Amino acid sequence: MTSSYLGSVCRHWIGAELRRCGATSGVRPFLVGPCCPLHTPAALAGRPEAPETTSLPATALPASPISGSRVADARAIASGKRRSNPQAYRAAQAEVRHTTT
């Protein structure tokens, strides 16, 4: 990203000059505060910047493990091993109940 971070300024302290950097171009948010490209944590450590990533649509992400555990959770509720309210108990029993034809 080349745009500035919400009009922020780099707050890196330059000890030799007893002042803050104050740069406004290319400022991005970091845990230590907004930093310009010269004062990012990677630049100060002498490492290259991490490559920029793009956002993926939700359909490109793998399925959540929580969705896979829903059936096991319904079985635990239906068997009475997991406490729940009566409505959830009945719904879990209906979901787990297998009908043979």
C-alpha atoms as a PDB file:
ATOM      1  CA  MET A   1       0.000   0.000   0.000  1.00  0.00           C
ATOM      2  CA  THR A   2       1.361   3.358  -0.928  1.00  0.00           C
ATOM      3  CA  SER A   3      -1.329   5.466   0.692  1.00  0.00           C
ATOM      4  CA  SER A   4      -0.818   6.952   4.119  1.00  0.00           C
ATOM      5  CA  TYR A   5      -2.480   5.404   7.139  1.00  0.00           C
ATOM      6  CA  LEU A   6      -5.413   7.684   7.919  1.00  0.00           C
ATOM      7  CA  GLY A   7      -3.229  10.781   7.753  1.00  0.00           C
ATOM      8  CA  SER A   8      -0.911   9.486  10.483  1.00  0.00           C
ATOM      9  CA  VAL A   9       2.736  10.283  10.874  1.00  0.00           C
ATOM     10  CA  CYS A  10       5.602   7.955  11.689  1.00  0.00           C
ATOM     11  CA  ARG A  11       6.185   8.036  15.439  1.00  0.00           C
ATOM     12  CA  HIS A  12       9.585   6.311  15.432  1.00  0.00           C
ATOM     13  CA  TRP A  13      11.992   7.980  17.860  1.00  0.00           C
ATOM     14  CA  ILE A  14      15.336   8.893  16.301  1.00  0.00           C
ATOM     15  CA  GLY A  15      17.559   8.948  19.365  1.00  0.00           C
ATOM     16  CA  ALA A  16      20.627  10.505  17.718  1.00  0.00           C
ATOM     17  CA  GLU A  17      18.572  13.538  16.643  1.00  0.00           C
ATOM     18  CA  LEU A  18      16.302  13.578  19.732  1.00  0.00           C
ATOM     19  CA  ARG A  19      13.127  13.775  17.647  1.00  0.00           C
ATOM     20  CA  ARG A  20      10.402  11.673  16.094  1.00  0.00           C
ATOM     21  CA  CYS A  21      10.573  10.785  12.388  1.00  0.00           C
ATOM     22  CA  GLY A  22       7.367  12.571  11.361  1.00  0.00           C
ATOM     23  CA  ALA A  23       7.200  11.126   7.825  1.00  0.00           C
ATOM     24  CA  THR A  24       3.706  11.043   6.329  1.00  0.00           C
ATOM     25  CA  SER A  25       4.137   9.045   3.106  1.00  0.00           C
ATOM     26  CA  GLY A  26       3.730   5.265   3.139  1.00  0.00           C
ATOM     27  CA  VAL A  27       2.787   5.140   6.823  1.00  0.00           C
ATOM     28  CA  ARG A  28       1.186   1.831   7.866  1.00  0.00           C
ATOM     29  CA  PRO A  29      -0.139   0.551  11.196  1.00  0.00           C
ATOM     30  CA  PHE A  30       2.047  -1.757  13.291  1.00  0.00           C
ATOM     31  CA  LEU A  31       1.869  -2.963  16.890  1.00  0.00           C
ATOM     32  CA  VAL A  32       4.423  -0.337  17.885  1.00  0.00           C
ATOM     33  CA  GLY A  33       2.379   2.389  16.185  1.00  0.00           C
ATOM     34  CA  PRO A  34       2.255   3.915  12.699  1.00  0.00           C
ATOM     35  CA  CYS A  35       5.587   3.571  10.888  1.00  0.00           C
ATOM     36  CA  CYS A  36       7.021   4.787   7.597  1.00  0.00           C
ATOM     37  CA  PRO A  37       8.805   2.263   5.320  1.00  0.00           C
ATOM     38  CA  LEU A  38      12.202   3.164   6.817  1.00  0.00           C
ATOM     39  CA  HIS A  39      11.110   2.436  10.377  1.00  0.00           C
ATOM     40  CA  THR A  40       8.979  -0.700  10.115  1.00  0.00           C
ATOM     41  CA  PRO A  41       9.944  -3.458  12.563  1.00  0.00           C
ATOM     42  CA  ALA A  42      11.396  -5.529   9.716  1.00  0.00           C
ATOM     43  CA  ALA A  43      13.432  -2.591   8.372  1.00  0.00           C
ATOM     44  CA  LEU A  44      14.838  -1.835  11.831  1.00  0.00           C
ATOM     45  CA  ALA A  45      15.803  -5.508  12.249  1.00  0.00           C
ATOM     46  CA  GLY A  46      17.521  -5.535   8.851  1.00  0.00           C
ATOM     47  CA  ARG A  47      15.062  -8.010   7.313  1.00  0.00           C
ATOM     48  CA  PRO A  48      13.098  -7.622   4.084  1.00  0.00           C
ATOM     49  CA  GLU A  49       9.448  -6.681   4.304  1.00  0.00           C
ATOM     50  CA  ALA A  50       6.916  -9.479   4.191  1.00  0.00           C
ATOM     51  CA  PRO A  51       5.103  -9.670   0.854  1.00  0.00           C
ATOM     52  CA  GLU A  52       1.712  -8.011   0.740  1.00  0.00           C
ATOM     53  CA  THR A  53      -1.189 -10.396   0.720  1.00  0.00           C
ATOM     54  CA  THR A  54      -4.566  -9.967  -0.843  1.00  0.00           C
ATOM     55  CA  SER A  55      -7.820 -10.762   0.842  1.00  0.00           C
ATOM     56  CA  LEU A  56      -9.390 -14.036  -0.152  1.00  0.00           C
ATOM     57  CA  PRO A  57     -13.136 -14.457  -0.499  1.00  0.00           C
ATOM     58  CA  ALA A  58     -14.769 -16.488   2.242  1.00  0.00           C
ATOM     59  CA  THR A  59     -15.442 -19.305  -0.221  1.00  0.00           C
ATOM     60  CA  ALA A  60     -11.708 -19.755  -0.822  1.00  0.00           C
ATOM     61  CA  LEU A  61     -10.986 -20.429   2.847  1.00  0.00           C
ATOM     62  CA  PRO A  62     -11.067 -23.973   4.219  1.00  0.00           C
ATOM     63  CA  ALA A  63     -14.115 -25.089   6.179  1.00  0.00           C
ATOM     64  CA  SER A  64     -14.082 -24.276   9.850  1.00  0.00           C
ATOM     65  CA  PRO A  65     -13.415 -27.198  12.189  1.00  0.00           C
ATOM     66  CA  ILE A  66     -16.352 -25.946  14.239  1.00  0.00           C
ATOM     67  CA  SER A  67     -18.774 -26.793  11.428  1.00  0.00           C
ATOM     68  CA  GLY A  68     -17.463 -30.362  11.376  1.00  0.00           C
ATOM     69  CA  SER A  69     -17.939 -30.749  15.104  1.00  0.00           C
ATOM     70  CA  ARG A  70     -21.584 -29.697  14.932  1.00  0.00           C
ATOM     71  CA  VAL A  71     -22.750 -33.298  14.384  1.00  0.00           C
ATOM     72  CA  ALA A  72     -20.657 -34.627  17.273  1.00  0.00           C
ATOM     73  CA  ASP A  73     -21.975 -31.828  19.456  1.00  0.00           C
ATOM     74  CA  ALA A  74     -25.567 -32.701  18.488  1.00  0.00           C
ATOM     75  CA  ARG A  75     -24.875 -36.332  19.452  1.00  0.00           C
ATOM     76  CA  ALA A  76     -23.506 -35.269  22.836  1.00  0.00           C
ATOM     77  CA  ILE A  77     -26.556 -33.086  23.468  1.00  0.00           C
ATOM     78  CA  ALA A  78     -28.955 -35.800  22.294  1.00  0.00           C
ATOM     79  CA  SER A  79     -27.354 -38.395  24.556  1.00  0.00           C
ATOM     80  CA  GLY A  80     -27.555 -36.064  27.546  1.00  0.00           C
ATOM     81  CA  LYS A  81     -23.764 -35.941  28.008  1.00  0.00           C
ATOM     82  CA  ARG A  82     -23.721 -32.222  27.241  1.00  0.00           C
ATOM     83  CA  ARG A  83     -26.089 -29.925  29.047  1.00  0.00           C
ATOM     84  CA  SER A  84     -28.378 -27.723  27.061  1.00  0.00           C
ATOM     85  CA  ASN A  85     -31.821 -26.205  27.216  1.00  0.00           C
ATOM     86  CA  PRO A  86     -34.820 -28.434  26.440  1.00  0.00           C
ATOM     87  CA  GLN A  87     -35.316 -26.940  22.965  1.00  0.00           C
ATOM     88  CA  ALA A  88     -31.715 -27.655  21.940  1.00  0.00           C
ATOM     89  CA  TYR A  89     -31.993 -31.161  23.443  1.00  0.00           C
ATOM     90  CA  ARG A  90     -35.092 -31.971  21.378  1.00  0.00           C
ATOM     91  CA  ALA A  91     -33.595 -30.455  18.220  1.00  0.00           C
ATOM     92  CA  ALA A  92     -30.393 -32.476  18.686  1.00  0.00           C
ATOM     93  CA  GLN A  93     -32.386 -35.673  19.217  1.00  0.00           C
ATOM     94  CA  ALA A  94     -34.340 -35.002  16.015  1.00  0.00           C
ATOM     95  CA  GLU A  95     -31.114 -34.308  14.085  1.00  0.00           C
ATOM     96  CA  VAL A  96     -29.348 -37.432  15.335  1.00  0.00           C
ATOM     97  CA  ARG A  97     -32.350 -39.757  15.157  1.00  0.00           C
ATOM     98  CA  HIS A  98     -31.901 -42.165  12.270  1.00  0.00           C
ATOM     99  CA  THR A  99     -34.958 -43.541  10.574  1.00  0.00           C
ATOM    100  CA  THR A 100     -34.690 -46.849   8.773  1.00  0.00           C
ATOM    101  CA  THR A 101     -37.033 -47.567   5.924  1.00  0.00           C
END
